[in-house]
Amino acid sequence: MSEETLLEFPCQFPIKAMGTNHKYFENDVVMIVRKHTPNLGEGAVTSKPSRTGKYLAVTVTITATSKAQIDAIYQTLHAHPDVKMVL
């Protein structure tokens, strides 16, 4: 069974995780992504707090090598208790 995708690999792919803003959230997201993409480049991570500061959006831009890799990152992020949404 082949997996259909419009992406051509390898490619730059941003993954955004939004969740509760606490001092370890950004690090938790980066550690999860790094398990699947060990060679994150310089400047791969950006973060932005919500207007009230209650939530934090963390974007990690990876060099994706397959749809399976992207799917694994999304599944692992969704399983984290502080992650509210992944885009």
PDB file of N, CA and C in Angstrom:
ATOM      1  N   MET A   1       0.851  -1.176   0.000  1.00  0.00           N
ATOM      2  CA  MET A   1       0.000   0.000   0.000  1.00  0.00           C
ATOM      3  C   MET A   1       0.899   1.243   0.000  1.00  0.00           C
ATOM      4  N   SER A   2       0.736   2.095  -0.975  1.00  0.00           N
ATOM      5  CA  SER A   2       1.545   3.319  -1.031  1.00  0.00           C
ATOM      6  C   SER A   2       0.820   4.464  -0.350  1.00  0.00           C
ATOM      7  N   GLU A   3       1.595   5.346   0.220  1.00  0.00           N
ATOM      8  CA  GLU A   3       1.009   6.496   0.896  1.00  0.00           C
ATOM      9  C   GLU A   3       1.048   7.693  -0.035  1.00  0.00           C
ATOM     10  N   GLU A   4      -0.124   8.235  -0.345  1.00  0.00           N
ATOM     11  CA  GLU A   4      -0.236   9.386  -1.230  1.00  0.00           C
ATOM     12  C   GLU A   4       0.108  10.656  -0.472  1.00  0.00           C
ATOM     13  N   THR A   5       0.904  11.508  -1.105  1.00  0.00           N
ATOM     14  CA  THR A   5       1.230  12.808  -0.522  1.00  0.00           C
ATOM     15  C   THR A   5       1.623  13.750  -1.643  1.00  0.00           C
ATOM     16  N   LEU A   6       1.369  15.011  -1.457  1.00  0.00           N
ATOM     17  CA  LEU A   6       1.757  16.018  -2.434  1.00  0.00           C
ATOM     18  C   LEU A   6       3.163  16.540  -2.162  1.00  0.00           C
ATOM     19  N   LEU A   7       3.746  16.131  -1.070  1.00  0.00           N
ATOM     20  CA  LEU A   7       5.086  16.578  -0.705  1.00  0.00           C
ATOM     21  C   LEU A   7       6.140  15.782  -1.462  1.00  0.00           C
ATOM     22  N   GLU A   8       7.234  16.445  -1.787  1.00  0.00           N
ATOM     23  CA  GLU A   8       8.390  15.773  -2.351  1.00  0.00           C
ATOM     24  C   GLU A   8       9.484  15.787  -1.288  1.00  0.00           C
ATOM     25  N   PHE A   9       9.968  14.598  -0.937  1.00  0.00           N
ATOM     26  CA  PHE A   9      10.948  14.478   0.139  1.00  0.00           C
ATOM     27  C   PHE A   9      12.349  14.390  -0.415  1.00  0.00           C
ATOM     28  N   PRO A  10      13.327  14.923   0.292  1.00  0.00           N
ATOM     29  CA  PRO A  10      13.229  15.690   1.539  1.00  0.00           C
ATOM     30  C   PRO A  10      12.707  17.094   1.273  1.00  0.00           C
ATOM     31  N   CYS A  11      12.066  17.671   2.288  1.00  0.00           N
ATOM     32  CA  CYS A  11      11.543  19.027   2.175  1.00  0.00           C
ATOM     33  C   CYS A  11      11.511  19.690   3.549  1.00  0.00           C
ATOM     34  N   GLN A  12      11.478  21.012   3.542  1.00  0.00           N
ATOM     35  CA  GLN A  12      11.331  21.769   4.785  1.00  0.00           C
ATOM     36  C   GLN A  12       9.862  21.710   5.185  1.00  0.00           C
ATOM     37  N   PHE A  13       9.587  21.361   6.441  1.00  0.00           N
ATOM     38  CA  PHE A  13       8.215  21.173   6.897  1.00  0.00           C
ATOM     39  C   PHE A  13       8.057  21.749   8.299  1.00  0.00           C
ATOM     40  N   PRO A  14       7.217  22.793   8.445  1.00  0.00           N
ATOM     41  CA  PRO A  14       6.997  23.359   9.784  1.00  0.00           C
ATOM     42  C   PRO A  14       5.935  22.571  10.546  1.00  0.00           C
ATOM     43  N   ILE A  15       6.222  22.304  11.809  1.00  0.00           N
ATOM     44  CA  ILE A  15       5.271  21.644  12.703  1.00  0.00           C
ATOM     45  C   ILE A  15       5.026  22.587  13.867  1.00  0.00           C
ATOM     46  N   LYS A  16       3.754  22.915  14.103  1.00  0.00           N
ATOM     47  CA  LYS A  16       3.409  23.848  15.180  1.00  0.00           C
ATOM     48  C   LYS A  16       2.622  23.111  16.257  1.00  0.00           C
ATOM     49  N   ALA A  17       3.100  23.210  17.482  1.00  0.00           N
ATOM     50  CA  ALA A  17       2.404  22.633  18.632  1.00  0.00           C
ATOM     51  C   ALA A  17       1.993  23.769  19.554  1.00  0.00           C
ATOM     52  N   MET A  18       0.738  23.749  19.962  1.00  0.00           N
ATOM     53  CA  MET A  18       0.236  24.769  20.881  1.00  0.00           C
ATOM     54  C   MET A  18      -0.200  24.098  22.168  1.00  0.00           C
ATOM     55  N   GLY A  19       0.174  24.746  23.273  1.00  0.00           N
ATOM     56  CA  GLY A  19      -0.173  24.156  24.549  1.00  0.00           C
ATOM     57  C   GLY A  19       0.022  25.114  25.702  1.00  0.00           C
ATOM     58  N   THR A  20      -0.105  24.564  26.872  1.00  0.00           N
ATOM     59  CA  THR A  20       0.015  25.327  28.102  1.00  0.00           C
ATOM     60  C   THR A  20       1.408  25.947  28.209  1.00  0.00           C
ATOM     61  N   ASN A  21       1.449  27.232  28.493  1.00  0.00           N
ATOM     62  CA  ASN A  21       2.722  27.945  28.569  1.00  0.00           C
ATOM     63  C   ASN A  21       3.325  27.766  29.964  1.00  0.00           C
ATOM     64  N   HIS A  22       4.271  26.837  30.046  1.00  0.00           N
ATOM     65  CA  HIS A  22       5.061  26.694  31.268  1.00  0.00           C
ATOM     66  C   HIS A  22       6.516  26.598  30.855  1.00  0.00           C
ATOM     67  N   LYS A  23       7.414  26.666  31.801  1.00  0.00           N
ATOM     68  CA  LYS A  23       8.829  26.828  31.460  1.00  0.00           C
ATOM     69  C   LYS A  23       9.431  25.648  30.702  1.00  0.00           C
ATOM     70  N   TYR A  24       8.802  24.484  30.700  1.00  0.00           N
ATOM     71  CA  TYR A  24       9.359  23.323  30.013  1.00  0.00           C
ATOM     72  C   TYR A  24       8.655  22.995  28.698  1.00  0.00           C
ATOM     73  N   PHE A  25       7.583  23.700  28.359  1.00  0.00           N
ATOM     74  CA  PHE A  25       6.787  23.318  27.180  1.00  0.00           C
ATOM     75  C   PHE A  25       7.612  23.346  25.890  1.00  0.00           C
ATOM     76  N   GLU A  26       8.322  24.442  25.639  1.00  0.00           N
ATOM     77  CA  GLU A  26       9.111  24.527  24.407  1.00  0.00           C
ATOM     78  C   GLU A  26      10.147  23.405  24.350  1.00  0.00           C
ATOM     79  N   ASN A  27      10.822  23.157  25.443  1.00  0.00           N
ATOM     80  CA  ASN A  27      11.817  22.094  25.501  1.00  0.00           C
ATOM     81  C   ASN A  27      11.179  20.725  25.258  1.00  0.00           C
ATOM     82  N   ASP A  28      10.009  20.484  25.838  1.00  0.00           N
ATOM     83  CA  ASP A  28       9.317  19.207  25.637  1.00  0.00           C
ATOM     84  C   ASP A  28       9.009  18.988  24.157  1.00  0.00           C
ATOM     85  N   VAL A  29       8.498  20.022  23.490  1.00  0.00           N
ATOM     86  CA  VAL A  29       8.162  19.916  22.066  1.00  0.00           C
ATOM     87  C   VAL A  29       9.425  19.625  21.251  1.00  0.00           C
ATOM     88  N   VAL A  30      10.480  20.363  21.518  1.00  0.00           N
ATOM     89  CA  VAL A  30      11.734  20.175  20.768  1.00  0.00           C
ATOM     90  C   VAL A  30      12.289  18.770  21.001  1.00  0.00           C
ATOM     91  N   MET A  31      12.237  18.269  22.210  1.00  0.00           N
ATOM     92  CA  MET A  31      12.752  16.927  22.506  1.00  0.00           C
ATOM     93  C   MET A  31      11.948  15.852  21.762  1.00  0.00           C
ATOM     94  N   ILE A  32      10.637  16.033  21.686  1.00  0.00           N
ATOM     95  CA  ILE A  32       9.796  15.081  20.948  1.00  0.00           C
ATOM     96  C   ILE A  32      10.171  15.091  19.469  1.00  0.00           C
ATOM     97  N   VAL A  33      10.281  16.266  18.886  1.00  0.00           N
ATOM     98  CA  VAL A  33      10.623  16.369  17.466  1.00  0.00           C
ATOM     99  C   VAL A  33      12.020  15.824  17.219  1.00  0.00           C
ATOM    100  N   ARG A  34      12.939  16.108  18.119  1.00  0.00           N
ATOM    101  CA  ARG A  34      14.330  15.667  17.952  1.00  0.00           C
ATOM    102  C   ARG A  34      14.452  14.134  17.972  1.00  0.00           C
ATOM    103  N   LYS A  35      13.541  13.435  18.645  1.00  0.00           N
ATOM    104  CA  LYS A  35      13.563  11.970  18.629  1.00  0.00           C
ATOM    105  C   LYS A  35      13.385  11.430  17.211  1.00  0.00           C
ATOM    106  N   HIS A  36      12.618  12.167  16.404  1.00  0.00           N
ATOM    107  CA  HIS A  36      12.317  11.731  15.044  1.00  0.00           C
ATOM    108  C   HIS A  36      13.187  12.433  13.997  1.00  0.00           C
ATOM    109  N   THR A  37      13.786  13.559  14.382  1.00  0.00           N
ATOM    110  CA  THR A  37      14.632  14.359  13.486  1.00  0.00           C
ATOM    111  C   THR A  37      15.835  14.836  14.291  1.00  0.00           C
ATOM    112  N   PRO A  38      16.861  14.002  14.441  1.00  0.00           N
ATOM    113  CA  PRO A  38      17.974  14.355  15.324  1.00  0.00           C
ATOM    114  C   PRO A  38      18.813  15.548  14.873  1.00  0.00           C
ATOM    115  N   ASN A  39      18.798  15.872  13.598  1.00  0.00           N
ATOM    116  CA  ASN A  39      19.653  16.945  13.095  1.00  0.00           C
ATOM    117  C   ASN A  39      18.871  18.224  12.841  1.00  0.00           C
ATOM    118  N   LEU A  40      18.309  18.800  13.878  1.00  0.00           N
ATOM    119  CA  LEU A  40      17.607  20.079  13.716  1.00  0.00           C
ATOM    120  C   LEU A  40      18.631  21.170  13.442  1.00  0.00           C
ATOM    121  N   GLY A  41      18.312  22.013  12.472  1.00  0.00           N
ATOM    122  CA  GLY A  41      19.236  23.079  12.107  1.00  0.00           C
ATOM    123  C   GLY A  41      19.147  24.280  13.029  1.00  0.00           C
ATOM    124  N   GLU A  42      20.117  25.165  12.878  1.00  0.00           N
ATOM    125  CA  GLU A  42      20.145  26.428  13.623  1.00  0.00           C
ATOM    126  C   GLU A  42      18.906  27.239  13.262  1.00  0.00           C
ATOM    127  N   GLY A  43      18.231  27.761  14.228  1.00  0.00           N
ATOM    128  CA  GLY A  43      17.041  28.583  13.972  1.00  0.00           C
ATOM    129  C   GLY A  43      15.811  27.775  13.605  1.00  0.00           C
ATOM    130  N   ALA A  44      15.796  26.475  13.896  1.00  0.00           N
ATOM    131  CA  ALA A  44      14.662  25.618  13.540  1.00  0.00           C
ATOM    132  C   ALA A  44      13.451  25.839  14.442  1.00  0.00           C
ATOM    133  N   VAL A  45      13.657  26.464  15.604  1.00  0.00           N
ATOM    134  CA  VAL A  45      12.585  26.592  16.601  1.00  0.00           C
ATOM    135  C   VAL A  45      12.234  28.064  16.819  1.00  0.00           C
ATOM    136  N   THR A  46      10.946  28.348  16.746  1.00  0.00           N
ATOM    137  CA  THR A  46      10.434  29.673  17.121  1.00  0.00           C
ATOM    138  C   THR A  46       9.244  29.458  18.039  1.00  0.00           C
ATOM    139  N   SER A  47       8.993  30.417  18.897  1.00  0.00           N
ATOM    140  CA  SER A  47       7.831  30.302  19.785  1.00  0.00           C
ATOM    141  C   SER A  47       7.190  31.661  19.979  1.00  0.00           C
ATOM    142  N   LYS A  48       5.894  31.611  20.254  1.00  0.00           N
ATOM    143  CA  LYS A  48       5.137  32.839  20.440  1.00  0.00           C
ATOM    144  C   LYS A  48       4.048  32.591  21.492  1.00  0.00           C
ATOM    145  N   PRO A  49       4.039  33.406  22.539  1.00  0.00           N
ATOM    146  CA  PRO A  49       2.986  33.248  23.551  1.00  0.00           C
ATOM    147  C   PRO A  49       1.664  33.823  23.055  1.00  0.00           C
ATOM    148  N   SER A  50       0.571  33.334  23.629  1.00  0.00           N
ATOM    149  CA  SER A  50      -0.744  33.900  23.315  1.00  0.00           C
ATOM    150  C   SER A  50      -0.822  35.312  23.893  1.00  0.00           C
ATOM    151  N   ARG A  51      -1.847  36.023  23.516  1.00  0.00           N
ATOM    152  CA  ARG A  51      -2.020  37.402  23.978  1.00  0.00           C
ATOM    153  C   ARG A  51      -2.041  37.480  25.502  1.00  0.00           C
ATOM    154  N   THR A  52      -2.669  36.508  26.138  1.00  0.00           N
ATOM    155  CA  THR A  52      -2.757  36.510  27.600  1.00  0.00           C
ATOM    156  C   THR A  52      -1.570  35.822  28.272  1.00  0.00           C
ATOM    157  N   GLY A  53      -0.767  35.095  27.472  1.00  0.00           N
ATOM    158  CA  GLY A  53       0.380  34.396  28.033  1.00  0.00           C
ATOM    159  C   GLY A  53       0.057  33.027  28.599  1.00  0.00           C
ATOM    160  N   LYS A  54      -1.197  32.606  28.509  1.00  0.00           N
ATOM    161  CA  LYS A  54      -1.594  31.309  29.062  1.00  0.00           C
ATOM    162  C   LYS A  54      -1.105  30.151  28.183  1.00  0.00           C
ATOM    163  N   TYR A  55      -0.994  30.393  26.873  1.00  0.00           N
ATOM    164  CA  TYR A  55      -0.601  29.350  25.927  1.00  0.00           C
ATOM    165  C   TYR A  55       0.662  29.758  25.174  1.00  0.00           C
ATOM    166  N   LEU A  56       1.330  28.760  24.610  1.00  0.00           N
ATOM    167  CA  LEU A  56       2.534  29.006  23.830  1.00  0.00           C
ATOM    168  C   LEU A  56       2.446  28.190  22.544  1.00  0.00           C
ATOM    169  N   ALA A  57       2.762  28.833  21.412  1.00  0.00           N
ATOM    170  CA  ALA A  57       2.836  28.142  20.128  1.00  0.00           C
ATOM    171  C   ALA A  57       4.307  27.963  19.790  1.00  0.00           C
ATOM    172  N   VAL A  58       4.704  26.723  19.584  1.00  0.00           N
ATOM    173  CA  VAL A  58       6.090  26.400  19.261  1.00  0.00           C
ATOM    174  C   VAL A  58       6.113  25.813  17.846  1.00  0.00           C
ATOM    175  N   THR A  59       6.891  26.446  16.957  1.00  0.00           N
ATOM    176  CA  THR A  59       7.029  25.954  15.593  1.00  0.00           C
ATOM    177  C   THR A  59       8.441  25.414  15.416  1.00  0.00           C
ATOM    178  N   VAL A  60       8.514  24.174  14.945  1.00  0.00           N
ATOM    179  CA  VAL A  60       9.796  23.540  14.669  1.00  0.00           C
ATOM    180  C   VAL A  60       9.797  23.191  13.181  1.00  0.00           C
ATOM    181  N   THR A  61      10.738  23.765  12.440  1.00  0.00           N
ATOM    182  CA  THR A  61      10.845  23.481  11.012  1.00  0.00           C
ATOM    183  C   THR A  61      11.901  22.405  10.815  1.00  0.00           C
ATOM    184  N   ILE A  62      11.449  21.285  10.258  1.00  0.00           N
ATOM    185  CA  ILE A  62      12.332  20.132  10.077  1.00  0.00           C
ATOM    186  C   ILE A  62      12.616  19.906   8.590  1.00  0.00           C
ATOM    187  N   THR A  63      13.631  19.121   8.313  1.00  0.00           N
ATOM    188  CA  THR A  63      13.837  18.591   6.975  1.00  0.00           C
ATOM    189  C   THR A  63      13.192  17.211   6.991  1.00  0.00           C
ATOM    190  N   ALA A  64      11.970  17.148   6.484  1.00  0.00           N
ATOM    191  CA  ALA A  64      11.203  15.905   6.510  1.00  0.00           C
ATOM    192  C   ALA A  64      11.717  14.961   5.435  1.00  0.00           C
ATOM    193  N   THR A  65      11.810  13.693   5.801  1.00  0.00           N
ATOM    194  CA  THR A  65      12.304  12.685   4.862  1.00  0.00           C
ATOM    195  C   THR A  65      11.219  11.730   4.389  1.00  0.00           C
ATOM    196  N   SER A  66      10.065  11.711   5.081  1.00  0.00           N
ATOM    197  CA  SER A  66       8.968  10.826   4.675  1.00  0.00           C
ATOM    198  C   SER A  66       7.675  11.237   5.361  1.00  0.00           C
ATOM    199  N   LYS A  67       6.566  10.784   4.790  1.00  0.00           N
ATOM    200  CA  LYS A  67       5.268  11.019   5.413  1.00  0.00           C
ATOM    201  C   LYS A  67       5.186  10.274   6.747  1.00  0.00           C
ATOM    202  N   ALA A  68       5.778   9.098   6.803  1.00  0.00           N
ATOM    203  CA  ALA A  68       5.772   8.314   8.046  1.00  0.00           C
ATOM    204  C   ALA A  68       6.465   9.073   9.171  1.00  0.00           C
ATOM    205  N   GLN A  69       7.546   9.763   8.865  1.00  0.00           N
ATOM    206  CA  GLN A  69       8.252  10.562   9.868  1.00  0.00           C
ATOM    207  C   GLN A  69       7.351  11.679  10.397  1.00  0.00           C
ATOM    208  N   ILE A  70       6.691  12.385   9.507  1.00  0.00           N
ATOM    209  CA  ILE A  70       5.795  13.478   9.896  1.00  0.00           C
ATOM    210  C   ILE A  70       4.649  12.929  10.749  1.00  0.00           C
ATOM    211  N   ASP A  71       4.051  11.818  10.305  1.00  0.00           N
ATOM    212  CA  ASP A  71       2.951  11.209  11.059  1.00  0.00           C
ATOM    213  C   ASP A  71       3.389  10.801  12.464  1.00  0.00           C
ATOM    214  N   ALA A  72       4.594  10.255  12.586  1.00  0.00           N
ATOM    215  CA  ALA A  72       5.103   9.830  13.901  1.00  0.00           C
ATOM    216  C   ALA A  72       5.287  11.027  14.825  1.00  0.00           C
ATOM    217  N   ILE A  73       5.769  12.138  14.297  1.00  0.00           N
ATOM    218  CA  ILE A  73       5.942  13.348  15.108  1.00  0.00           C
ATOM    219  C   ILE A  73       4.586  13.848  15.588  1.00  0.00           C
ATOM    220  N   TYR A  74       3.607  13.920  14.678  1.00  0.00           N
ATOM    221  CA  TYR A  74       2.268  14.374  15.060  1.00  0.00           C
ATOM    222  C   TYR A  74       1.668  13.477  16.143  1.00  0.00           C
ATOM    223  N   GLN A  75       1.792  12.172  15.985  1.00  0.00           N
ATOM    224  CA  GLN A  75       1.219  11.242  16.964  1.00  0.00           C
ATOM    225  C   GLN A  75       1.874  11.403  18.335  1.00  0.00           C
ATOM    226  N   THR A  76       3.182  11.548  18.353  1.00  0.00           N
ATOM    227  CA  THR A  76       3.892  11.698  19.619  1.00  0.00           C
ATOM    228  C   THR A  76       3.535  13.017  20.293  1.00  0.00           C
ATOM    229  N   LEU A  77       3.443  14.092  19.513  1.00  0.00           N
ATOM    230  CA  LEU A  77       3.055  15.385  20.085  1.00  0.00           C
ATOM    231  C   LEU A  77       1.630  15.338  20.636  1.00  0.00           C
ATOM    232  N   HIS A  78       0.711  14.708  19.894  1.00  0.00           N
ATOM    233  CA  HIS A  78      -0.681  14.603  20.363  1.00  0.00           C
ATOM    234  C   HIS A  78      -0.776  13.854  21.688  1.00  0.00           C
ATOM    235  N   ALA A  79       0.135  12.933  21.930  1.00  0.00           N
ATOM    236  CA  ALA A  79       0.104  12.131  23.161  1.00  0.00           C
ATOM    237  C   ALA A  79       0.602  12.906  24.379  1.00  0.00           C
ATOM    238  N   HIS A  80       1.299  14.021  24.165  1.00  0.00           N
ATOM    239  CA  HIS A  80       1.834  14.803  25.293  1.00  0.00           C
ATOM    240  C   HIS A  80       0.680  15.514  26.004  1.00  0.00           C
ATOM    241  N   PRO A  81       0.610  15.416  27.331  1.00  0.00           N
ATOM    242  CA  PRO A  81      -0.538  15.975  28.058  1.00  0.00           C
ATOM    243  C   PRO A  81      -0.678  17.509  27.983  1.00  0.00           C
ATOM    244  N   ASP A  82       0.401  18.233  27.740  1.00  0.00           N
ATOM    245  CA  ASP A  82       0.304  19.696  27.683  1.00  0.00           C
ATOM    246  C   ASP A  82       0.017  20.226  26.285  1.00  0.00           C
ATOM    247  N   VAL A  83       0.107  19.384  25.267  1.00  0.00           N
ATOM    248  CA  VAL A  83      -0.149  19.823  23.895  1.00  0.00           C
ATOM    249  C   VAL A  83      -1.668  19.821  23.663  1.00  0.00           C
ATOM    250  N   LYS A  84      -2.183  20.987  23.281  1.00  0.00           N
ATOM    251  CA  LYS A  84      -3.618  21.141  23.042  1.00  0.00           C
ATOM    252  C   LYS A  84      -3.969  20.988  21.570  1.00  0.00           C
ATOM    253  N   MET A  85      -3.022  21.362  20.665  1.00  0.00           N
ATOM    254  CA  MET A  85      -3.277  21.300  19.240  1.00  0.00           C
ATOM    255  C   MET A  85      -1.955  21.207  18.485  1.00  0.00           C
ATOM    256  N   VAL A  86      -1.973  20.462  17.370  1.00  0.00           N
ATOM    257  CA  VAL A  86      -0.785  20.362  16.513  1.00  0.00           C
ATOM    258  C   VAL A  86      -1.218  20.664  15.089  1.00  0.00           C
ATOM    259  N   LEU A  87      -0.482  21.551  14.457  1.00  0.00           N
ATOM    260  CA  LEU A  87      -0.753  21.906  13.061  1.00  0.00           C
ATOM    261  C   LEU A  87       0.443  21.577  12.211  1.00  0.00           C
TER     262      LEU A  87
END
